[in-house]
Amino acid sequence: MSAQQILHVAGWSNCGFYKRATSVLTSLSLLFPTRLKVVQHEHASRDEFRSWLIDGGFRSELLDSRAHTHTSSPFVWTAKRATAKPLSKDVVDFVGGCDDTLDFCRKFCTPADEKDGGLEEGKIAKMMEDGFGTGDADHGYDY
């Protein structure tokens, strides 16, 4: 089992993209509580969010150069800890905005394959016969 990932989501309360990203991430954290934890950093207005992100310098303290130019809501990253106050020293990776977050969610939900170490080498996931639909049923229903 993989370790729990901690995702921080910052944005402003009336932003539709922030709402969408947090909704999907929180749904996944409910389904997979041992694999995903979400920490929301909601700002009251767009100006307050941009002041924290840009003027406060949070984005410029991250190592990923994509974060340095990101100005929109949401602003999503993975971190070592689930702190109430965002700490740049805890940032593990910058995820991005809403589209990047949805891509992260798709990848999170995609079954692992051999390249990712999900299956033993040389083994392929396949359907197994379960006895239904084989024509051996003793009734008149078609399958």
Protein backbone atom coordinates (compact mmCIF):
# COMPACT_ATOMS: atom_id res chain seq x y z
CA MET A 1 0.00 0.00 0.00
CA SER A 2 1.31 3.44 -0.87
CA ALA A 3 1.81 6.17 1.71
CA GLN A 4 -0.84 8.82 2.23
CA GLN A 5 -0.41 11.84 -0.04
CA ILE A 6 -1.21 15.24 1.42
CA LEU A 7 -2.62 17.77 -1.02
CA HIS A 8 -3.05 21.45 -0.21
CA VAL A 9 -5.56 23.45 -2.24
CA ALA A 10 -5.55 27.24 -2.07
CA GLY A 11 -8.11 29.44 -3.77
CA TRP A 12 -10.87 31.94 -3.26
CA SER A 13 -14.31 30.91 -2.05
CA ASN A 14 -16.42 31.95 -5.07
CA CYS A 15 -14.08 30.57 -7.73
CA GLY A 16 -15.75 27.78 -9.71
CA PHE A 17 -12.42 26.15 -10.54
CA TYR A 18 -11.43 26.11 -6.84
CA LYS A 19 -14.81 24.56 -5.98
CA ARG A 20 -14.43 21.92 -8.70
CA ALA A 21 -10.89 20.94 -7.69
CA THR A 22 -11.70 20.77 -3.98
CA SER A 23 -14.90 18.83 -4.64
CA VAL A 24 -13.12 16.13 -6.64
CA LEU A 25 -10.17 15.91 -4.25
CA THR A 26 -12.37 15.72 -1.15
CA SER A 27 -14.48 13.02 -2.79
CA LEU A 28 -11.34 10.98 -3.47
CA SER A 29 -10.11 11.52 0.09
CA LEU A 30 -13.43 10.13 1.38
CA LEU A 31 -13.09 7.08 -0.85
CA PHE A 32 -9.39 6.57 -0.09
CA PRO A 33 -8.75 8.04 3.39
CA THR A 34 -5.51 6.10 3.90
CA ARG A 35 -4.09 7.23 0.55
CA LEU A 36 -5.14 10.88 0.28
CA LYS A 37 -5.64 13.81 2.65
CA VAL A 38 -6.81 17.23 1.48
CA VAL A 39 -6.11 20.52 3.25
CA GLN A 40 -8.09 23.52 2.01
CA HIS A 41 -6.80 27.07 2.24
CA GLU A 42 -9.83 29.15 1.30
CA HIS A 43 -9.53 32.90 0.93
CA ALA A 44 -12.54 35.22 1.13
CA SER A 45 -11.87 37.06 -2.13
CA ARG A 46 -9.82 36.92 -5.30
CA ASP A 47 -7.78 39.91 -4.13
CA GLU A 48 -7.00 38.22 -0.81
CA PHE A 49 -5.95 35.03 -2.61
CA ARG A 50 -3.68 36.86 -5.06
CA SER A 51 -2.21 38.94 -2.25
CA TRP A 52 -1.25 35.76 -0.38
CA LEU A 53 0.00 33.94 -3.49
CA ILE A 54 1.82 36.71 -5.32
CA ASP A 55 2.50 39.61 -2.95
CA GLY A 56 3.09 37.29 0.01
CA GLY A 57 5.63 35.40 -2.07
CA PHE A 58 4.43 31.85 -1.41
CA ARG A 59 4.66 30.78 -5.06
CA SER A 60 8.17 32.20 -5.55
CA GLU A 61 9.49 30.08 -2.66
CA LEU A 62 8.68 26.82 -4.45
CA LEU A 63 11.28 25.00 -6.53
CA ASP A 64 9.03 24.28 -9.52
CA SER A 65 9.32 27.14 -12.00
CA ARG A 66 5.69 26.60 -13.11
CA ALA A 67 4.59 27.80 -9.67
CA HIS A 68 6.46 31.10 -10.08
CA THR A 69 4.10 32.25 -12.84
CA HIS A 70 0.87 30.63 -11.64
CA THR A 71 -1.68 33.33 -10.78
CA SER A 72 -5.06 31.61 -10.93
CA SER A 73 -7.23 29.77 -8.45
CA PRO A 74 -6.76 27.04 -7.40
CA PHE A 75 -3.11 26.64 -6.52
CA VAL A 76 -2.46 22.99 -5.59
CA TRP A 77 0.61 21.26 -4.16
CA THR A 78 1.63 18.13 -2.28
CA ALA A 79 3.33 18.50 1.08
CA LYS A 80 5.03 16.55 3.84
CA ARG A 81 2.51 17.64 6.48
CA ALA A 82 -1.13 18.71 6.72
CA THR A 83 -0.61 22.14 8.28
CA ALA A 84 -3.35 24.75 8.66
CA LYS A 85 -0.95 27.46 7.52
CA PRO A 86 0.78 26.83 4.19
CA LEU A 87 4.53 26.33 4.65
CA SER A 88 6.73 26.45 1.56
CA LYS A 89 9.40 24.36 3.30
CA ASP A 90 6.93 21.42 3.45
CA VAL A 91 6.11 21.48 -0.28
CA VAL A 92 7.04 18.24 -2.03
CA ASP A 93 5.67 19.00 -5.49
CA PHE A 94 3.61 21.65 -7.26
CA VAL A 95 0.55 20.09 -8.92
CA GLY A 96 -0.83 23.18 -10.67
CA GLY A 97 -4.31 24.59 -11.25
CA CYS A 98 -7.71 23.00 -11.80
CA ASP A 99 -6.89 21.09 -15.01
CA ASP A 100 -3.63 19.80 -13.54
CA THR A 101 -5.48 18.73 -10.40
CA LEU A 102 -8.07 16.80 -12.42
CA ASP A 103 -5.22 15.11 -14.32
CA PHE A 104 -3.66 14.22 -10.95
CA CYS A 105 -7.01 12.67 -9.91
CA ARG A 106 -7.26 10.65 -13.13
CA LYS A 107 -3.77 9.30 -12.61
CA PHE A 108 -4.51 8.60 -8.94
CA CYS A 109 -7.53 6.47 -9.95
CA THR A 110 -5.88 4.67 -12.85
CA PRO A 111 -4.96 1.06 -12.07
CA ALA A 112 -1.23 0.45 -11.97
CA ASP A 113 0.35 -1.52 -14.78
CA GLU A 114 3.58 -3.49 -15.04
CA LYS A 115 5.68 -0.38 -15.65
CA ASP A 116 4.42 1.15 -12.40
CA GLY A 117 5.02 -1.99 -10.38
CA GLY A 118 1.30 -2.70 -9.99
CA LEU A 119 1.45 -6.27 -11.32
CA GLU A 120 4.11 -8.90 -11.04
CA GLU A 121 6.30 -8.93 -14.12
CA GLY A 122 4.91 -11.13 -16.88
CA LYS A 123 1.42 -11.28 -15.38
CA ILE A 124 -1.55 -9.74 -17.14
CA ALA A 125 -4.87 -8.88 -15.50
CA LYS A 126 -7.62 -10.89 -17.17
CA MET A 127 -11.22 -11.93 -16.69
CA MET A 128 -11.83 -15.27 -15.01
CA GLU A 129 -14.71 -17.61 -15.78
CA ASP A 130 -17.38 -17.27 -13.11
CA GLY A 131 -19.89 -19.82 -14.39
CA PHE A 132 -22.44 -17.33 -15.65
CA GLY A 133 -23.24 -16.93 -19.32
CA THR A 134 -21.54 -20.16 -20.34
CA GLY A 135 -24.71 -21.73 -21.72
CA ASP A 136 -24.76 -24.34 -18.96
CA ALA A 137 -27.69 -22.72 -17.18
CA ASP A 138 -30.82 -24.86 -16.92
CA HIS A 139 -33.30 -22.08 -17.68
CA GLY A 140 -34.66 -20.48 -20.84
CA TYR A 141 -33.12 -17.00 -20.49
CA ASP A 142 -30.72 -15.72 -23.11
CA TYR A 143 -27.41 -14.16 -22.11
